[in-house]
Amino acid sequence: MNTGSDEPGEVAVVADAGAESQEPELGSRAPGFIKERRALHLSWQVGVFVAGLAVVVAGALMLVLPGPGWLVIFGGMAIWATEFVWAQLVLRWTKRKVTEAAQRALDPRVRRRNVILTSVGLVIIAVLGGIYVWKFGLEMPWNIDQ
């Protein structure tokens, strides 16, 4: 079905009103001389995939070991996004969700609720700490004989 064209071989492109964002085009960002040669481009893609995989695996290990696991995983996704459309789409979706979460967190009602919950939590911790000090003094838990 042709939109806006009577010619059988032409298909008019309908522009989406919300598509005027500053998001870069999807696709490979490899240099032109690499894209021109199929074998070189395939080698480039394999290299980008292996490098991104190494970073994502390191990030996954950092989820259970000390380190910024999620940050490193998103770094690996960014490496993949330089070459693969699926990774670019995942990063766009992630950025959109993070922006929405940040906007929700800045909502005055949500901030008020978070301040109240934090205050209640701190009061509970202070009361429990006070009870501990009243009962045992400033003795470390592993030094208590009871």
N, C-alpha and C. Protein backbone atom coordinates (compact mmCIF):
# COMPACT_ATOMS: atom_id res chain seq x y z
N MET A 1 0.85 -1.17 0.00
CA MET A 1 0.00 0.00 0.00
C MET A 1 0.89 1.22 0.00
N ASN A 2 0.72 2.09 -0.97
CA ASN A 2 1.54 3.29 -1.10
C ASN A 2 0.87 4.44 -0.38
N THR A 3 1.66 5.17 0.37
CA THR A 3 1.14 6.31 1.11
C THR A 3 1.60 7.59 0.43
N GLY A 4 0.66 8.34 -0.13
CA GLY A 4 1.01 9.64 -0.71
C GLY A 4 1.65 9.56 -2.08
N SER A 5 1.56 8.45 -2.77
CA SER A 5 2.17 8.33 -4.09
C SER A 5 1.28 7.46 -4.97
N ASP A 6 1.15 7.87 -6.23
CA ASP A 6 0.35 7.08 -7.16
C ASP A 6 1.20 6.14 -7.98
N GLU A 7 2.50 6.27 -7.93
CA GLU A 7 3.39 5.41 -8.68
C GLU A 7 3.47 4.05 -8.00
N PRO A 8 3.41 2.94 -8.76
CA PRO A 8 3.41 1.62 -8.13
C PRO A 8 4.72 1.25 -7.45
N GLY A 9 5.85 1.79 -7.86
CA GLY A 9 7.14 1.40 -7.29
C GLY A 9 7.60 2.32 -6.16
N GLU A 10 6.88 3.40 -5.91
CA GLU A 10 7.31 4.36 -4.90
C GLU A 10 6.50 4.19 -3.62
N VAL A 11 7.18 4.32 -2.54
CA VAL A 11 6.52 4.30 -1.24
C VAL A 11 6.95 5.56 -0.52
N ALA A 12 6.00 6.40 -0.19
CA ALA A 12 6.33 7.65 0.51
C ALA A 12 6.60 7.34 1.98
N VAL A 13 7.54 8.04 2.53
CA VAL A 13 7.88 7.86 3.93
C VAL A 13 7.10 8.88 4.74
N VAL A 14 6.34 8.39 5.69
CA VAL A 14 5.56 9.26 6.55
C VAL A 14 6.39 9.54 7.79
N ALA A 15 6.69 10.80 8.02
CA ALA A 15 7.52 11.19 9.17
C ALA A 15 6.68 11.20 10.43
N ASP A 16 7.22 10.62 11.46
CA ASP A 16 6.58 10.61 12.77
C ASP A 16 6.87 11.94 13.45
N ALA A 17 5.85 12.56 14.03
CA ALA A 17 6.02 13.86 14.66
C ALA A 17 6.96 13.78 15.86
N GLY A 18 6.99 12.65 16.56
CA GLY A 18 7.84 12.51 17.73
C GLY A 18 9.25 12.04 17.40
N ALA A 19 9.55 11.84 16.12
CA ALA A 19 10.84 11.29 15.74
C ALA A 19 11.91 12.37 15.55
N GLU A 20 11.61 13.61 15.93
CA GLU A 20 12.55 14.69 15.73
C GLU A 20 13.49 14.85 16.92
N SER A 21 13.91 13.76 17.52
CA SER A 21 14.84 13.82 18.64
C SER A 21 16.27 13.78 18.12
N GLN A 22 17.22 13.96 19.03
CA GLN A 22 18.61 13.99 18.63
C GLN A 22 19.25 12.62 18.67
N GLU A 23 18.50 11.57 18.57
CA GLU A 23 19.07 10.23 18.60
C GLU A 23 19.79 9.96 17.28
N PRO A 24 21.00 9.43 17.34
CA PRO A 24 21.74 9.14 16.10
C PRO A 24 21.06 8.01 15.32
N GLU A 25 21.41 7.93 14.06
CA GLU A 25 20.86 6.88 13.22
C GLU A 25 21.33 5.50 13.68
N LEU A 26 20.49 4.51 13.42
CA LEU A 26 20.85 3.14 13.77
C LEU A 26 21.81 2.59 12.73
N GLY A 27 22.67 1.70 13.16
CA GLY A 27 23.57 1.05 12.23
C GLY A 27 25.02 1.13 12.66
N SER A 28 25.86 0.58 11.84
CA SER A 28 27.28 0.49 12.13
C SER A 28 27.94 1.87 12.13
N ARG A 29 28.84 2.07 13.08
CA ARG A 29 29.61 3.31 13.14
C ARG A 29 31.07 3.06 12.76
N ALA A 30 31.31 1.98 12.07
CA ALA A 30 32.67 1.65 11.64
C ALA A 30 33.11 2.66 10.58
N PRO A 31 34.41 2.92 10.50
CA PRO A 31 34.91 3.83 9.46
C PRO A 31 34.52 3.33 8.06
N GLY A 32 34.43 4.27 7.13
CA GLY A 32 33.99 3.95 5.77
C GLY A 32 34.84 2.92 5.07
N PHE A 33 36.17 3.01 5.22
CA PHE A 33 37.04 2.05 4.52
C PHE A 33 36.83 0.63 5.04
N ILE A 34 36.36 0.48 6.28
CA ILE A 34 36.08 -0.85 6.82
C ILE A 34 34.75 -1.36 6.27
N LYS A 35 33.76 -0.47 6.20
CA LYS A 35 32.45 -0.87 5.68
C LYS A 35 32.52 -1.29 4.21
N GLU A 36 33.45 -0.73 3.46
CA GLU A 36 33.55 -1.01 2.03
C GLU A 36 34.01 -2.43 1.75
N ARG A 37 34.75 -3.03 2.66
CA ARG A 37 35.29 -4.38 2.45
C ARG A 37 34.55 -5.36 3.35
N ARG A 38 33.85 -6.29 2.75
CA ARG A 38 32.99 -7.21 3.50
C ARG A 38 33.77 -8.01 4.55
N ALA A 39 34.90 -8.58 4.17
CA ALA A 39 35.68 -9.41 5.11
C ALA A 39 36.20 -8.57 6.27
N LEU A 40 36.66 -7.36 5.96
CA LEU A 40 37.17 -6.47 7.00
C LEU A 40 36.05 -6.03 7.93
N HIS A 41 34.88 -5.76 7.36
CA HIS A 41 33.74 -5.35 8.18
C HIS A 41 33.28 -6.49 9.09
N LEU A 42 33.26 -7.70 8.57
CA LEU A 42 32.88 -8.86 9.38
C LEU A 42 33.89 -9.06 10.51
N SER A 43 35.17 -8.91 10.20
CA SER A 43 36.21 -9.02 11.24
C SER A 43 36.03 -7.93 12.30
N TRP A 44 35.70 -6.74 11.85
CA TRP A 44 35.46 -5.62 12.76
C TRP A 44 34.29 -5.95 13.70
N GLN A 45 33.21 -6.49 13.13
CA GLN A 45 32.05 -6.83 13.95
C GLN A 45 32.39 -7.92 14.96
N VAL A 46 33.16 -8.91 14.55
CA VAL A 46 33.56 -9.97 15.49
C VAL A 46 34.40 -9.37 16.61
N GLY A 47 35.32 -8.48 16.27
CA GLY A 47 36.15 -7.84 17.29
C GLY A 47 35.33 -7.01 18.26
N VAL A 48 34.37 -6.25 17.74
CA VAL A 48 33.50 -5.44 18.61
C VAL A 48 32.67 -6.35 19.50
N PHE A 49 32.16 -7.45 18.93
CA PHE A 49 31.36 -8.37 19.73
C PHE A 49 32.18 -8.99 20.86
N VAL A 50 33.39 -9.43 20.55
CA VAL A 50 34.24 -10.07 21.56
C VAL A 50 34.62 -9.06 22.65
N ALA A 51 34.97 -7.83 22.25
CA ALA A 51 35.32 -6.81 23.24
C ALA A 51 34.12 -6.48 24.13
N GLY A 52 32.96 -6.32 23.53
CA GLY A 52 31.75 -6.04 24.31
C GLY A 52 31.39 -7.20 25.23
N LEU A 53 31.55 -8.42 24.73
CA LEU A 53 31.26 -9.60 25.54
C LEU A 53 32.19 -9.67 26.75
N ALA A 54 33.47 -9.37 26.55
CA ALA A 54 34.43 -9.39 27.67
C ALA A 54 34.03 -8.37 28.73
N VAL A 55 33.61 -7.19 28.30
CA VAL A 55 33.22 -6.16 29.27
C VAL A 55 31.93 -6.55 29.98
N VAL A 56 30.96 -7.11 29.25
CA VAL A 56 29.70 -7.52 29.88
C VAL A 56 29.94 -8.66 30.87
N VAL A 57 30.77 -9.62 30.52
CA VAL A 57 31.09 -10.72 31.44
C VAL A 57 31.80 -10.18 32.69
N ALA A 58 32.73 -9.24 32.50
CA ALA A 58 33.40 -8.63 33.66
C ALA A 58 32.38 -7.92 34.54
N GLY A 59 31.44 -7.23 33.94
CA GLY A 59 30.39 -6.57 34.72
C GLY A 59 29.51 -7.56 35.45
N ALA A 60 29.19 -8.67 34.81
CA ALA A 60 28.38 -9.69 35.47
C ALA A 60 29.13 -10.28 36.66
N LEU A 61 30.43 -10.46 36.51
CA LEU A 61 31.23 -10.93 37.66
C LEU A 61 31.24 -9.90 38.78
N MET A 62 31.25 -8.63 38.40
CA MET A 62 31.26 -7.57 39.41
C MET A 62 29.93 -7.44 40.14
N LEU A 63 28.88 -8.10 39.65
CA LEU A 63 27.63 -8.09 40.40
C LEU A 63 27.77 -8.88 41.69
N VAL A 64 28.62 -9.91 41.69
CA VAL A 64 28.83 -10.71 42.90
C VAL A 64 30.17 -10.40 43.56
N LEU A 65 31.08 -9.81 42.84
CA LEU A 65 32.38 -9.39 43.38
C LEU A 65 32.36 -7.87 43.54
N PRO A 66 33.33 -7.32 44.27
CA PRO A 66 33.36 -5.87 44.41
C PRO A 66 33.59 -5.18 43.06
N GLY A 67 32.85 -4.12 42.84
CA GLY A 67 33.01 -3.37 41.61
C GLY A 67 31.69 -2.83 41.10
N PRO A 68 31.73 -1.91 40.18
CA PRO A 68 30.52 -1.28 39.63
C PRO A 68 29.89 -2.14 38.54
N GLY A 69 29.27 -3.25 38.91
CA GLY A 69 28.78 -4.24 37.94
C GLY A 69 27.87 -3.69 36.87
N TRP A 70 26.78 -3.01 37.25
CA TRP A 70 25.82 -2.53 36.26
C TRP A 70 26.44 -1.47 35.36
N LEU A 71 27.28 -0.63 35.92
CA LEU A 71 27.94 0.39 35.11
C LEU A 71 28.82 -0.25 34.03
N VAL A 72 29.54 -1.30 34.39
CA VAL A 72 30.40 -1.99 33.43
C VAL A 72 29.56 -2.73 32.39
N ILE A 73 28.46 -3.33 32.81
CA ILE A 73 27.57 -4.02 31.85
C ILE A 73 27.03 -3.03 30.83
N PHE A 74 26.60 -1.85 31.29
CA PHE A 74 26.11 -0.84 30.35
C PHE A 74 27.24 -0.33 29.46
N GLY A 75 28.47 -0.32 29.97
CA GLY A 75 29.61 0.02 29.13
C GLY A 75 29.81 -0.99 28.01
N GLY A 76 29.65 -2.28 28.34
CA GLY A 76 29.74 -3.32 27.32
C GLY A 76 28.63 -3.20 26.29
N MET A 77 27.44 -2.84 26.76
CA MET A 77 26.33 -2.62 25.82
C MET A 77 26.63 -1.44 24.90
N ALA A 78 27.28 -0.42 25.44
CA ALA A 78 27.64 0.74 24.62
C ALA A 78 28.68 0.35 23.56
N ILE A 79 29.58 -0.54 23.92
CA ILE A 79 30.55 -1.03 22.93
C ILE A 79 29.81 -1.77 21.82
N TRP A 80 28.88 -2.64 22.20
CA TRP A 80 28.09 -3.36 21.19
C TRP A 80 27.27 -2.39 20.35
N ALA A 81 26.78 -1.32 20.97
CA ALA A 81 25.91 -0.38 20.24
C ALA A 81 26.67 0.40 19.17
N THR A 82 27.99 0.37 19.20
CA THR A 82 28.72 1.03 18.12
C THR A 82 28.60 0.27 16.81
N GLU A 83 28.15 -0.99 16.89
CA GLU A 83 28.12 -1.81 15.68
C GLU A 83 26.78 -2.51 15.44
N PHE A 84 26.02 -2.80 16.48
CA PHE A 84 24.83 -3.64 16.32
C PHE A 84 23.56 -2.86 16.64
N VAL A 85 22.58 -2.96 15.76
CA VAL A 85 21.32 -2.23 15.90
C VAL A 85 20.56 -2.69 17.14
N TRP A 86 20.56 -3.99 17.43
CA TRP A 86 19.81 -4.48 18.59
C TRP A 86 20.34 -3.87 19.88
N ALA A 87 21.65 -3.68 19.98
CA ALA A 87 22.22 -3.07 21.19
C ALA A 87 21.88 -1.58 21.24
N GLN A 88 21.82 -0.93 20.09
CA GLN A 88 21.43 0.47 20.06
C GLN A 88 19.99 0.64 20.55
N LEU A 89 19.12 -0.26 20.12
CA LEU A 89 17.73 -0.19 20.56
C LEU A 89 17.60 -0.46 22.07
N VAL A 90 18.37 -1.42 22.58
CA VAL A 90 18.34 -1.70 24.01
C VAL A 90 18.83 -0.50 24.80
N LEU A 91 19.90 0.14 24.34
CA LEU A 91 20.41 1.32 25.04
C LEU A 91 19.43 2.48 24.98
N ARG A 92 18.76 2.67 23.85
CA ARG A 92 17.74 3.73 23.78
C ARG A 92 16.62 3.47 24.77
N TRP A 93 16.16 2.23 24.84
CA TRP A 93 15.09 1.87 25.78
C TRP A 93 15.56 2.10 27.22
N THR A 94 16.79 1.69 27.52
CA THR A 94 17.34 1.86 28.88
C THR A 94 17.45 3.33 29.23
N LYS A 95 17.96 4.14 28.32
CA LYS A 95 18.08 5.57 28.59
C LYS A 95 16.71 6.19 28.83
N ARG A 96 15.72 5.78 28.05
CA ARG A 96 14.36 6.31 28.22
C ARG A 96 13.81 5.93 29.59
N LYS A 97 14.01 4.68 30.00
CA LYS A 97 13.50 4.24 31.30
C LYS A 97 14.22 4.92 32.46
N VAL A 98 15.53 5.13 32.34
CA VAL A 98 16.28 5.81 33.39
C VAL A 98 15.83 7.26 33.50
N THR A 99 15.59 7.92 32.37
CA THR A 99 15.11 9.30 32.39
C THR A 99 13.74 9.38 33.04
N GLU A 100 12.85 8.44 32.71
CA GLU A 100 11.53 8.42 33.33
C GLU A 100 11.62 8.20 34.83
N ALA A 101 12.50 7.30 35.26
CA ALA A 101 12.67 7.04 36.69
C ALA A 101 13.22 8.27 37.41
N ALA A 102 14.15 8.97 36.77
CA ALA A 102 14.71 10.18 37.38
C ALA A 102 13.64 11.26 37.51
N GLN A 103 12.79 11.39 36.50
CA GLN A 103 11.70 12.37 36.57
C GLN A 103 10.71 12.00 37.67
N ARG A 104 10.42 10.71 37.81
CA ARG A 104 9.51 10.28 38.88
C ARG A 104 10.13 10.54 40.25
N ALA A 105 11.44 10.31 40.36
CA ALA A 105 12.11 10.52 41.65
C ALA A 105 12.12 11.98 42.05
N LEU A 106 12.08 12.88 41.08
CA LEU A 106 12.08 14.31 41.38
C LEU A 106 10.68 14.85 41.64
N ASP A 107 9.67 14.02 41.50
CA ASP A 107 8.30 14.42 41.80
C ASP A 107 8.21 14.78 43.29
N PRO A 108 7.65 15.94 43.64
CA PRO A 108 7.62 16.36 45.05
C PRO A 108 6.94 15.35 45.98
N ARG A 109 5.88 14.70 45.52
CA ARG A 109 5.21 13.72 46.39
C ARG A 109 6.11 12.52 46.67
N VAL A 110 6.82 12.06 45.64
CA VAL A 110 7.73 10.91 45.81
C VAL A 110 8.90 11.31 46.71
N ARG A 111 9.43 12.50 46.51
CA ARG A 111 10.53 12.96 47.37
C ARG A 111 10.09 13.06 48.82
N ARG A 112 8.89 13.59 49.05
CA ARG A 112 8.36 13.71 50.42
C ARG A 112 8.23 12.32 51.05
N ARG A 113 7.70 11.37 50.31
CA ARG A 113 7.55 10.01 50.82
C ARG A 113 8.92 9.40 51.15
N ASN A 114 9.90 9.61 50.26
CA ASN A 114 11.24 9.06 50.49
C ASN A 114 11.90 9.69 51.71
N VAL A 115 11.70 10.99 51.90
CA VAL A 115 12.26 11.66 53.08
C VAL A 115 11.61 11.11 54.35
N ILE A 116 10.30 10.91 54.31
CA ILE A 116 9.60 10.38 55.50
C ILE A 116 10.07 8.96 55.80
N LEU A 117 10.16 8.10 54.78
CA LEU A 117 10.61 6.73 55.00
C LEU A 117 12.05 6.67 55.51
N THR A 118 12.91 7.53 54.98
CA THR A 118 14.30 7.58 55.45
C THR A 118 14.36 8.05 56.90
N SER A 119 13.57 9.05 57.23
CA SER A 119 13.56 9.56 58.60
C SER A 119 13.07 8.50 59.58
N VAL A 120 12.01 7.78 59.22
CA VAL A 120 11.49 6.72 60.09
C VAL A 120 12.54 5.62 60.24
N GLY A 121 13.20 5.26 59.17
CA GLY A 121 14.24 4.24 59.25
C GLY A 121 15.39 4.67 60.15
N LEU A 122 15.81 5.92 60.04
CA LEU A 122 16.90 6.41 60.89
C LEU A 122 16.48 6.45 62.36
N VAL A 123 15.24 6.81 62.64
CA VAL A 123 14.75 6.81 64.03
C VAL A 123 14.76 5.39 64.58
N ILE A 124 14.31 4.42 63.79
CA ILE A 124 14.30 3.03 64.25
C ILE A 124 15.72 2.56 64.52
N ILE A 125 16.66 2.87 63.64
CA ILE A 125 18.06 2.47 63.85
C ILE A 125 18.62 3.14 65.10
N ALA A 126 18.31 4.43 65.32
CA ALA A 126 18.79 5.14 66.50
C ALA A 126 18.22 4.53 67.78
N VAL A 127 16.94 4.16 67.78
CA VAL A 127 16.32 3.55 68.96
C VAL A 127 16.96 2.19 69.24
N LEU A 128 17.13 1.37 68.21
CA LEU A 128 17.77 0.07 68.42
C LEU A 128 19.21 0.22 68.90
N GLY A 129 19.94 1.17 68.35
CA GLY A 129 21.30 1.44 68.81
C GLY A 129 21.32 1.91 70.26
N GLY A 130 20.37 2.76 70.63
CA GLY A 130 20.27 3.23 72.01
C GLY A 130 19.97 2.09 72.98
N ILE A 131 19.06 1.20 72.58
CA ILE A 131 18.75 0.04 73.43
C ILE A 131 19.97 -0.84 73.59
N TYR A 132 20.72 -1.04 72.53
CA TYR A 132 21.94 -1.87 72.60
C TYR A 132 22.95 -1.25 73.57
N VAL A 133 23.18 0.06 73.43
CA VAL A 133 24.15 0.73 74.30
C VAL A 133 23.66 0.72 75.74
N TRP A 134 22.36 0.91 75.98
CA TRP A 134 21.80 0.89 77.34
C TRP A 134 21.98 -0.48 77.97
N LYS A 135 21.77 -1.54 77.19
CA LYS A 135 21.83 -2.89 77.73
C LYS A 135 23.27 -3.39 77.89
N PHE A 136 24.14 -3.15 76.89
CA PHE A 136 25.48 -3.72 76.90
C PHE A 136 26.60 -2.69 77.06
N GLY A 137 26.30 -1.44 76.99
CA GLY A 137 27.33 -0.42 77.03
C GLY A 137 28.00 -0.33 75.67
N LEU A 138 29.20 0.21 75.60
CA LEU A 138 29.90 0.34 74.33
C LEU A 138 30.78 -0.87 74.05
N GLU A 139 30.29 -2.03 74.42
CA GLU A 139 31.01 -3.29 74.21
C GLU A 139 30.70 -3.82 72.81
N MET A 140 31.69 -4.33 72.12
CA MET A 140 31.49 -4.90 70.80
C MET A 140 30.72 -6.22 70.93
N PRO A 141 29.87 -6.56 69.96
CA PRO A 141 29.03 -7.76 70.08
C PRO A 141 29.83 -9.04 70.28
N TRP A 142 31.01 -9.17 69.69
CA TRP A 142 31.78 -10.40 69.81
C TRP A 142 32.50 -10.50 71.15
N ASN A 143 32.46 -9.44 71.95
CA ASN A 143 33.11 -9.47 73.27
C ASN A 143 32.10 -9.66 74.41
N ILE A 144 30.81 -9.82 74.09
CA ILE A 144 29.77 -9.98 75.10
C ILE A 144 29.77 -11.43 75.58
N ASP A 145 29.75 -11.63 76.93
CA ASP A 145 29.82 -12.98 77.50
C ASP A 145 28.47 -13.65 77.62
N GLN A 146 27.39 -12.95 77.58
CA GLN A 146 26.07 -13.54 77.82
C GLN A 146 25.60 -14.39 76.69
